[in-house]
Protein backbone atom coordinates (compact mmCIF):
# COMPACT_ATOMS: atom_id res chain seq x y z
CA UNK A 1 -14.02 -9.28 2.47
CA UNK A 2 -13.35 -11.73 5.30
CA UNK A 3 -11.02 -10.17 7.87
CA UNK A 4 -9.45 -13.57 8.52
CA UNK A 5 -8.35 -13.78 4.88
CA UNK A 6 -6.33 -10.56 5.03
CA UNK A 7 -2.78 -10.70 6.33
CA UNK A 8 -2.30 -8.61 9.45
CA UNK A 9 -5.95 -8.40 10.50
CA UNK A 10 -7.00 -9.43 14.01
CA UNK A 11 -10.70 -8.73 13.51
CA UNK A 12 -13.45 -11.25 12.80
CA UNK A 13 -16.41 -11.07 10.45
CA UNK A 14 -16.74 -9.44 7.05
CA UNK A 15 -16.89 -5.98 5.50
CA UNK A 16 -17.97 -4.79 2.06
CA UNK A 17 -15.50 -2.43 0.39
CA UNK A 18 -16.71 -0.12 -2.38
CA UNK A 19 -14.03 1.67 -4.38
CA UNK A 20 -15.14 4.96 -5.93
CA UNK A 21 -13.23 7.12 -8.43
CA UNK A 22 -11.49 10.14 -7.01
CA UNK A 23 -12.71 13.64 -7.74
CA UNK A 24 -11.75 14.74 -11.26
CA UNK A 25 -10.31 11.23 -11.66
CA UNK A 26 -12.70 9.93 -14.32
CA UNK A 27 -13.13 9.98 -18.09
CA UNK A 28 -14.79 13.40 -18.00
CA UNK A 29 -17.69 15.20 -16.31
CA UNK A 30 -20.33 12.94 -17.84
CA UNK A 31 -18.71 9.85 -16.32
CA UNK A 32 -18.20 11.71 -13.04
CA UNK A 33 -21.91 12.53 -12.87
CA UNK A 34 -22.87 8.93 -13.72
CA UNK A 35 -20.49 7.62 -11.05
CA UNK A 36 -21.87 10.03 -8.46
CA UNK A 37 -25.41 8.87 -9.17
CA UNK A 38 -24.35 5.21 -8.86
CA UNK A 39 -22.44 5.84 -5.61
CA UNK A 40 -25.41 7.66 -4.14
CA UNK A 41 -27.71 4.74 -4.96
CA UNK A 42 -25.34 2.20 -3.41
CA UNK A 43 -25.06 4.29 -0.24
CA UNK A 44 -28.83 4.65 0.01
CA UNK A 45 -29.22 0.86 -0.18
CA UNK A 46 -26.69 0.24 2.61
CA UNK A 47 -27.55 -0.40 6.25
CA UNK A 48 -24.53 1.57 7.41
CA UNK A 49 -21.45 3.22 5.92
CA UNK A 50 -17.91 4.03 7.07
CA UNK A 51 -16.51 6.68 4.69
CA UNK A 52 -12.82 6.34 3.83
CA UNK A 53 -10.97 9.19 2.10
CA UNK A 54 -7.60 8.68 0.42
CA UNK A 55 -5.08 11.43 -0.24
CA UNK A 56 -1.97 10.73 -2.26
CA UNK A 57 1.37 12.51 -1.97
CA UNK A 58 0.82 14.09 -5.38
CA UNK A 59 -2.88 14.72 -4.78
CA UNK A 60 -2.32 16.88 -1.69
CA UNK A 61 -1.01 19.65 -3.93
CA UNK A 62 1.93 21.98 -3.51
CA UNK A 63 -0.05 24.22 -1.14
CA UNK A 64 -2.28 21.51 0.28
CA UNK A 65 -5.16 22.59 -1.95
CA UNK A 66 -5.98 18.90 -2.35
CA UNK A 67 -6.65 18.66 1.41
CA UNK A 68 -8.91 21.73 1.30
CA UNK A 69 -10.80 20.36 -1.69
CA UNK A 70 -11.32 17.08 0.17
CA UNK A 71 -12.78 18.87 3.18
CA UNK A 72 -15.19 20.84 0.99
CA UNK A 73 -16.18 17.60 -0.76
CA UNK A 74 -16.94 15.95 2.61
CA UNK A 75 -19.02 18.99 3.58
CA UNK A 76 -20.97 18.67 0.35
CA UNK A 77 -21.40 14.91 0.59
CA UNK A 78 -22.38 14.47 4.26
CA UNK A 79 -25.18 16.36 5.98
CA UNK A 80 -23.95 18.02 9.20
CA UNK A 81 -20.55 16.42 8.69
CA UNK A 82 -19.23 17.98 11.90
CA UNK A 83 -21.38 15.49 13.84
CA UNK A 84 -20.03 12.48 11.93
CA UNK A 85 -16.27 12.94 12.28
CA UNK A 86 -15.94 9.76 14.37
CA UNK A 87 -17.09 7.86 11.28
CA UNK A 88 -14.43 9.31 8.96
CA UNK A 89 -11.20 7.53 8.10
CA UNK A 90 -8.35 9.37 6.38
CA UNK A 91 -5.68 7.36 4.58
CA UNK A 92 -2.54 8.87 3.09
CA UNK A 93 -1.03 6.86 0.27
CA UNK A 94 2.17 6.90 -1.79
CA UNK A 95 3.92 9.26 0.62
CA UNK A 96 7.70 8.66 0.82
CA UNK A 97 8.53 7.34 4.27
CA UNK A 98 10.63 10.41 5.05
CA UNK A 99 7.60 12.63 4.24
CA UNK A 100 5.03 10.87 6.40
CA UNK A 101 5.98 12.74 9.55
CA UNK A 102 5.26 15.99 7.72
CA UNK A 103 1.57 15.13 7.19
CA UNK A 104 0.49 16.12 10.69
CA UNK A 105 2.59 19.27 10.57
CA UNK A 106 1.02 20.23 7.24
CA UNK A 107 -2.50 19.78 8.61
CA UNK A 108 -1.52 21.83 11.64
CA UNK A 109 -0.32 24.60 9.32
CA UNK A 110 -3.70 24.59 7.60
CA UNK A 111 -5.36 24.98 10.99
CA UNK A 112 -3.19 27.94 11.93
CA UNK A 113 -3.55 29.60 8.53
CA UNK A 114 -7.34 29.44 8.27
CA UNK A 115 -8.79 32.71 7.03
CA UNK A 116 -11.84 34.42 8.56
CA UNK A 117 -14.28 32.61 6.28
CA UNK A 118 -12.82 29.20 7.10
CA UNK A 119 -12.82 29.92 10.83
CA UNK A 120 -16.47 30.93 10.65
CA UNK A 121 -17.30 27.68 8.87
CA UNK A 122 -17.81 25.34 11.83
CA UNK A 123 -18.10 22.25 9.63
CA UNK A 124 -14.85 22.99 7.77
CA UNK A 125 -13.01 23.65 11.05
CA UNK A 126 -14.41 20.48 12.68
CA UNK A 127 -13.31 18.24 9.80
CA UNK A 128 -9.86 19.81 9.71
CA UNK A 129 -9.53 19.41 13.48
CA UNK A 130 -10.53 15.77 13.17
CA UNK A 131 -7.97 15.24 10.41
CA UNK A 132 -5.33 16.85 12.62
CA UNK A 133 -6.10 14.44 15.46
CA UNK A 134 -6.10 11.43 13.13
CA UNK A 135 -2.66 12.22 11.69
CA UNK A 136 -0.86 12.54 15.02
CA UNK A 137 1.79 9.89 15.74
CA UNK A 138 0.27 6.39 15.83
CA UNK A 139 -3.13 7.66 14.71
CA UNK A 140 -1.78 8.32 11.22
CA UNK A 141 -2.75 5.79 8.55
CA UNK A 142 -0.12 5.99 5.79
CA UNK A 143 0.14 3.13 3.33
CA UNK A 144 2.23 1.96 0.42
CA UNK A 145 -0.01 -0.17 -1.85
CA UNK A 146 2.98 -2.13 -3.16
CA UNK A 147 5.33 -2.46 -0.20
CA UNK A 148 2.92 -2.93 2.72
CA UNK A 149 2.84 -6.56 3.82
CA UNK A 150 -0.03 -6.40 6.31
CA UNK A 151 -3.00 -4.62 4.71
CA UNK A 152 -5.23 -6.20 7.33
CA UNK A 153 -3.97 -3.71 9.90
CA UNK A 154 -5.39 -0.87 7.80
CA UNK A 155 -8.64 -2.76 7.33
CA UNK A 156 -8.91 -3.13 11.13
CA UNK A 157 -8.47 0.63 11.55
CA UNK A 158 -11.29 1.26 9.08
CA UNK A 159 -13.57 -1.12 10.97
CA UNK A 160 -12.93 0.80 14.21
CA UNK A 161 -14.68 3.88 12.84
CA UNK A 162 -18.24 4.46 13.97
CA UNK A 163 -20.63 3.35 11.21
CA UNK A 164 -23.13 5.90 9.93
CA UNK A 165 -26.59 4.37 10.27
CA UNK A 166 -29.45 5.30 7.93
CA UNK A 167 -26.99 6.64 5.33
CA UNK A 168 -29.84 7.56 2.99
CA UNK A 169 -30.61 10.42 5.42
CA UNK A 170 -27.01 11.54 5.79
CA UNK A 171 -25.36 11.40 2.36
CA UNK A 172 -26.09 13.88 -0.41
CA UNK A 173 -25.40 13.90 -4.13
CA UNK A 174 -21.93 15.43 -4.62
CA UNK A 175 -19.96 16.47 -7.69
CA UNK A 176 -16.60 18.00 -8.50
CA UNK A 177 -16.61 21.70 -9.38
CA UNK A 178 -15.82 20.86 -13.01
CA UNK A 179 -18.79 18.52 -13.28
CA UNK A 180 -21.05 21.07 -11.57
CA UNK A 181 -20.10 23.63 -14.22
CA UNK A 182 -20.93 21.18 -17.01
CA UNK A 183 -24.25 20.33 -15.38
CA UNK A 184 -25.17 24.01 -14.98
CA UNK A 185 -24.25 24.64 -18.61
CA UNK A 186 -26.50 21.80 -19.76
CA UNK A 187 -29.39 23.09 -17.65
CA UNK A 188 -28.88 26.55 -19.15
CA UNK A 189 -29.02 25.07 -22.67
CA UNK A 190 -32.27 23.32 -21.81
CA UNK A 191 -33.68 26.57 -20.42
CA UNK A 192 -32.81 28.49 -23.61
CA UNK A 193 -34.29 25.75 -25.76
CA UNK A 194 -37.54 25.86 -23.78
CA UNK A 195 -37.78 29.67 -24.07
CA UNK A 196 -37.22 29.57 -27.83
CA UNK A 197 -39.73 26.74 -28.20
CA UNK A 198 -42.23 28.81 -26.21
CA UNK A 199 -41.84 31.71 -28.65
CA UNK A 200 -42.91 29.49 -31.53
CA UNK A 201 -45.48 27.52 -29.50
CA UNK A 202 -43.58 24.23 -29.91
CA UNK A 203 -45.25 22.57 -26.92
CA UNK A 204 -44.08 19.07 -27.80
CA UNK A 205 -40.45 20.15 -27.54
CA UNK A 206 -41.19 22.04 -24.32
CA UNK A 207 -42.79 18.92 -22.84
CA UNK A 208 -39.81 16.79 -23.91
CA UNK A 209 -37.22 19.17 -22.40
CA UNK A 210 -39.17 19.53 -19.17
CA UNK A 211 -39.37 15.75 -18.86
CA UNK A 212 -35.59 15.57 -19.33
CA UNK A 213 -35.05 18.16 -16.59
CA UNK A 214 -37.46 16.32 -14.32
CA UNK A 215 -35.56 13.06 -14.88
CA UNK A 216 -32.33 14.84 -14.02
CA UNK A 217 -33.87 16.22 -10.84
CA UNK A 218 -34.95 12.74 -9.78
CA UNK A 219 -31.42 11.44 -10.32
CA UNK A 220 -29.68 14.08 -8.22
């Protein structure tokens, strides 16, 4: 994308935007796993990455569980995420204008209501603290995909984030909890098949299943 082609941008140069499906926002766990593998490969081929995380009004959840899930996802996706908060951009979308001022207050409530486990988790606390700072007053990025007339301003804000260099060393394979459960179930099925094949000395089947597991390991 050329910055000069986007209404509202004052930056120069270009940026490559990669849109990824949201968590649990695909055609099932199998597609989620395939997407995660593809995203990981794209990231590993990049010179640098600026992660952008979108939260919708509906997606935040009644008790902000969507925000908590996002933080845990970031923890899982980025190695030592607490040291990369300057590279993170948080965008809040489809929030009614009269609800946008409540975003910062909601994040602040999450900070105050952290339990002992969350407080002991330095990475979780650092990401939440960063989100709190980035939702205060003019720092907040809240968009309306249909009504906003100057999307370039948002693009400029994204470009201001510190790029993560050598992303292949920083980003890990990450899945939703639902997809993890499906993956674990499949691995368990393979394990049981191998054990039964071992009982009847079916070494060809054992070899085949082990090769499948090895291929899976290489992917993730």
